Amino acid sequence: MFYVYLLECQQGKSWYIGYTSDLKRRINDHKNGHGCRTTSMKRNWKLIYYEAYIIKNDAIGREKFLKSGSGRRYLHKQLKFYLNKS
């Protein structure tokens, strides 16, 4: 399986979108500062959304879409209750 995931930094509420074949390992990498440059500069990442795919190219395509303006609007719509929590 391949996963597209969305992390939220708990300090600044910034987002990181990525894909991986091992979701648990990748999330731990990000939390421990061993992820990409973007996530290693901040700590305290929380997984707030993910999708699973059988085919790697489907996951890569979905990641690219979610990083676009339309994709971010889609995520805001999907996560509207999470984003509006007190």
N, C-alpha and C. Protein backbone atom coordinates (compact mmCIF):
# COMPACT_ATOMS: atom_id res chain seq x y z
N MET A 1 0.84 -1.18 0.00
CA MET A 1 0.00 0.00 0.00
C MET A 1 0.89 1.25 0.00
N PHE A 2 0.34 2.29 -0.56
CA PHE A 2 0.99 3.61 -0.58
C PHE A 2 0.03 4.60 0.05
N TYR A 3 0.57 5.51 0.81
CA TYR A 3 -0.25 6.45 1.57
C TYR A 3 0.10 7.89 1.21
N VAL A 4 -0.93 8.71 1.09
CA VAL A 4 -0.79 10.15 0.98
C VAL A 4 -1.26 10.68 2.33
N TYR A 5 -0.48 11.55 2.93
CA TYR A 5 -0.80 11.97 4.29
C TYR A 5 -0.66 13.48 4.45
N LEU A 6 -1.34 13.97 5.47
CA LEU A 6 -1.30 15.39 5.81
C LEU A 6 -0.92 15.51 7.28
N LEU A 7 0.18 16.22 7.51
CA LEU A 7 0.62 16.51 8.87
C LEU A 7 0.34 17.96 9.18
N GLU A 8 0.05 18.23 10.44
CA GLU A 8 -0.13 19.61 10.89
C GLU A 8 0.85 19.88 12.01
N CYS A 9 1.58 20.97 11.90
CA CYS A 9 2.49 21.39 12.96
C CYS A 9 1.65 22.03 14.06
N GLN A 10 1.78 21.55 15.27
CA GLN A 10 0.94 22.02 16.36
C GLN A 10 1.30 23.41 16.86
N GLN A 11 2.51 23.90 16.53
CA GLN A 11 2.86 25.26 16.95
C GLN A 11 2.27 26.30 16.00
N GLY A 12 2.56 26.19 14.73
CA GLY A 12 2.13 27.21 13.79
C GLY A 12 0.95 26.82 12.92
N LYS A 13 0.44 25.60 13.10
CA LYS A 13 -0.69 25.08 12.31
C LYS A 13 -0.38 25.01 10.82
N SER A 14 0.92 24.94 10.47
CA SER A 14 1.27 24.76 9.06
C SER A 14 1.08 23.30 8.68
N TRP A 15 0.95 23.04 7.38
CA TRP A 15 0.69 21.69 6.88
C TRP A 15 1.87 21.17 6.09
N TYR A 16 2.00 19.84 6.08
CA TYR A 16 2.93 19.16 5.20
C TYR A 16 2.19 17.99 4.56
N ILE A 17 2.28 17.86 3.24
CA ILE A 17 1.63 16.78 2.50
C ILE A 17 2.73 15.93 1.88
N GLY A 18 2.63 14.61 2.04
CA GLY A 18 3.62 13.71 1.47
C GLY A 18 3.00 12.37 1.13
N TYR A 19 3.84 11.46 0.61
CA TYR A 19 3.39 10.10 0.36
C TYR A 19 4.49 9.14 0.78
N THR A 20 4.10 7.90 1.10
CA THR A 20 5.04 6.89 1.57
C THR A 20 4.43 5.51 1.42
N SER A 21 5.27 4.50 1.52
CA SER A 21 4.78 3.12 1.54
C SER A 21 4.72 2.58 2.97
N ASP A 22 5.29 3.31 3.93
CA ASP A 22 5.29 2.90 5.34
C ASP A 22 4.88 4.10 6.19
N LEU A 23 3.60 4.24 6.42
CA LEU A 23 3.07 5.44 7.07
C LEU A 23 3.60 5.61 8.49
N LYS A 24 3.58 4.56 9.30
CA LYS A 24 4.03 4.67 10.70
C LYS A 24 5.50 5.12 10.78
N ARG A 25 6.35 4.49 9.96
CA ARG A 25 7.77 4.85 9.97
C ARG A 25 7.97 6.29 9.54
N ARG A 26 7.26 6.70 8.50
CA ARG A 26 7.43 8.06 7.96
C ARG A 26 6.97 9.11 8.96
N ILE A 27 5.86 8.86 9.64
CA ILE A 27 5.37 9.82 10.65
C ILE A 27 6.39 9.93 11.78
N ASN A 28 6.93 8.79 12.22
CA ASN A 28 7.97 8.82 13.26
C ASN A 28 9.20 9.57 12.79
N ASP A 29 9.59 9.39 11.53
CA ASP A 29 10.72 10.14 10.98
C ASP A 29 10.47 11.64 11.10
N HIS A 30 9.30 12.08 10.68
CA HIS A 30 8.97 13.51 10.75
C HIS A 30 8.99 14.00 12.20
N LYS A 31 8.40 13.24 13.10
CA LYS A 31 8.33 13.65 14.51
C LYS A 31 9.71 13.73 15.16
N ASN A 32 10.63 12.91 14.68
CA ASN A 32 11.98 12.88 15.26
C ASN A 32 12.98 13.74 14.51
N GLY A 33 12.51 14.55 13.57
CA GLY A 33 13.39 15.45 12.85
C GLY A 33 14.18 14.80 11.73
N HIS A 34 13.80 13.59 11.33
CA HIS A 34 14.51 12.87 10.26
C HIS A 34 13.71 12.84 8.96
N GLY A 35 12.71 13.67 8.87
CA GLY A 35 11.92 13.73 7.65
C GLY A 35 12.60 14.63 6.64
N CYS A 36 11.84 15.31 5.87
CA CYS A 36 12.40 16.23 4.87
C CYS A 36 12.84 17.53 5.56
N ARG A 37 13.44 18.40 4.79
CA ARG A 37 13.92 19.68 5.33
C ARG A 37 12.78 20.49 5.94
N THR A 38 11.64 20.49 5.28
CA THR A 38 10.49 21.27 5.76
C THR A 38 10.06 20.84 7.15
N THR A 39 9.94 19.53 7.37
CA THR A 39 9.45 19.06 8.67
C THR A 39 10.55 18.97 9.71
N SER A 40 11.81 18.86 9.29
CA SER A 40 12.88 18.77 10.28
C SER A 40 13.15 20.12 10.95
N MET A 41 12.71 21.20 10.33
CA MET A 41 12.90 22.52 10.92
C MET A 41 11.90 22.79 12.03
N LYS A 42 10.80 22.04 12.05
CA LYS A 42 9.78 22.18 13.09
C LYS A 42 9.56 20.81 13.71
N ARG A 43 9.05 20.79 14.90
CA ARG A 43 8.72 19.53 15.57
C ARG A 43 7.24 19.55 15.94
N ASN A 44 6.82 18.51 16.60
CA ASN A 44 5.44 18.42 17.09
C ASN A 44 4.43 18.32 15.94
N TRP A 45 4.68 17.42 15.00
CA TRP A 45 3.77 17.17 13.88
C TRP A 45 2.70 16.17 14.28
N LYS A 46 1.50 16.38 13.79
CA LYS A 46 0.38 15.49 14.09
C LYS A 46 -0.26 15.05 12.77
N LEU A 47 -0.47 13.74 12.61
CA LEU A 47 -1.17 13.22 11.44
C LEU A 47 -2.64 13.56 11.57
N ILE A 48 -3.19 14.29 10.58
CA ILE A 48 -4.61 14.65 10.66
C ILE A 48 -5.43 14.06 9.52
N TYR A 49 -4.76 13.49 8.49
CA TYR A 49 -5.51 12.96 7.36
C TYR A 49 -4.61 12.05 6.54
N TYR A 50 -5.16 10.95 6.03
CA TYR A 50 -4.41 10.13 5.08
C TYR A 50 -5.36 9.36 4.18
N GLU A 51 -4.84 8.93 3.05
CA GLU A 51 -5.55 8.11 2.08
C GLU A 51 -4.62 6.98 1.67
N ALA A 52 -5.18 5.80 1.37
CA ALA A 52 -4.38 4.63 0.97
C ALA A 52 -4.63 4.29 -0.49
N TYR A 53 -3.56 3.89 -1.18
CA TYR A 53 -3.64 3.53 -2.59
C TYR A 53 -2.86 2.24 -2.82
N ILE A 54 -3.30 1.45 -3.78
CA ILE A 54 -2.62 0.21 -4.14
C ILE A 54 -1.47 0.50 -5.10
N ILE A 55 -1.66 1.45 -5.99
CA ILE A 55 -0.66 1.75 -7.02
C ILE A 55 0.10 3.03 -6.66
N LYS A 56 1.44 2.94 -6.70
CA LYS A 56 2.30 4.06 -6.32
C LYS A 56 2.00 5.32 -7.12
N ASN A 57 1.83 5.19 -8.44
CA ASN A 57 1.58 6.37 -9.27
C ASN A 57 0.27 7.07 -8.91
N ASP A 58 -0.71 6.32 -8.43
CA ASP A 58 -1.95 6.94 -7.96
C ASP A 58 -1.69 7.82 -6.73
N ALA A 59 -0.87 7.31 -5.82
CA ALA A 59 -0.53 8.09 -4.62
C ALA A 59 0.26 9.34 -4.98
N ILE A 60 1.21 9.20 -5.89
CA ILE A 60 2.01 10.36 -6.31
C ILE A 60 1.13 11.41 -6.97
N GLY A 61 0.22 10.98 -7.82
CA GLY A 61 -0.70 11.91 -8.47
C GLY A 61 -1.60 12.61 -7.48
N ARG A 62 -2.07 11.85 -6.48
CA ARG A 62 -2.94 12.45 -5.47
C ARG A 62 -2.17 13.45 -4.61
N GLU A 63 -0.93 13.12 -4.28
CA GLU A 63 -0.09 14.06 -3.52
C GLU A 63 0.07 15.37 -4.29
N LYS A 64 0.35 15.28 -5.56
CA LYS A 64 0.51 16.49 -6.38
C LYS A 64 -0.77 17.30 -6.40
N PHE A 65 -1.92 16.62 -6.53
CA PHE A 65 -3.20 17.33 -6.52
C PHE A 65 -3.42 18.03 -5.18
N LEU A 66 -3.20 17.32 -4.07
CA LEU A 66 -3.46 17.91 -2.75
C LEU A 66 -2.54 19.08 -2.45
N LYS A 67 -1.38 19.13 -3.08
CA LYS A 67 -0.47 20.26 -2.89
C LYS A 67 -0.88 21.47 -3.73
N SER A 68 -1.80 21.28 -4.66
CA SER A 68 -2.25 22.38 -5.51
C SER A 68 -3.32 23.20 -4.78
N GLY A 69 -3.68 24.32 -5.35
CA GLY A 69 -4.73 25.16 -4.77
C GLY A 69 -6.06 24.43 -4.67
N SER A 70 -6.43 23.71 -5.71
CA SER A 70 -7.68 22.94 -5.69
C SER A 70 -7.62 21.85 -4.64
N GLY A 71 -6.48 21.22 -4.51
CA GLY A 71 -6.32 20.16 -3.52
C GLY A 71 -6.41 20.69 -2.10
N ARG A 72 -5.82 21.83 -1.86
CA ARG A 72 -5.92 22.42 -0.52
C ARG A 72 -7.35 22.85 -0.20
N ARG A 73 -8.07 23.34 -1.20
CA ARG A 73 -9.49 23.65 -0.98
C ARG A 73 -10.28 22.38 -0.66
N TYR A 74 -9.96 21.29 -1.35
CA TYR A 74 -10.60 20.01 -1.08
C TYR A 74 -10.33 19.58 0.37
N LEU A 75 -9.08 19.69 0.81
CA LEU A 75 -8.75 19.31 2.18
C LEU A 75 -9.47 20.18 3.21
N HIS A 76 -9.55 21.46 2.95
CA HIS A 76 -10.27 22.35 3.86
C HIS A 76 -11.74 21.95 3.96
N LYS A 77 -12.32 21.55 2.84
CA LYS A 77 -13.72 21.11 2.83
C LYS A 77 -13.86 19.79 3.59
N GLN A 78 -12.96 18.84 3.35
CA GLN A 78 -13.01 17.54 4.03
C GLN A 78 -12.79 17.67 5.53
N LEU A 79 -11.95 18.59 5.93
CA LEU A 79 -11.55 18.72 7.34
C LEU A 79 -12.22 19.90 8.03
N LYS A 80 -13.33 20.36 7.51
CA LYS A 80 -13.94 21.59 8.02
C LYS A 80 -14.28 21.49 9.51
N PHE A 81 -14.72 20.34 9.98
CA PHE A 81 -15.05 20.22 11.41
C PHE A 81 -13.80 20.17 12.27
N TYR A 82 -12.75 19.54 11.77
CA TYR A 82 -11.48 19.51 12.50
C TYR A 82 -10.89 20.93 12.57
N LEU A 83 -10.92 21.63 11.45
CA LEU A 83 -10.31 22.95 11.38
C LEU A 83 -11.10 23.99 12.18
N ASN A 84 -12.39 23.77 12.40
CA ASN A 84 -13.22 24.72 13.14
C ASN A 84 -13.38 24.37 14.61
N LYS A 85 -12.65 23.34 15.08
CA LYS A 85 -12.78 22.98 16.49
C LYS A 85 -12.21 24.08 17.37
N SER A 86 -12.69 24.13 18.58
CA SER A 86 -12.24 25.17 19.52
C SER A 86 -10.99 24.76 20.23
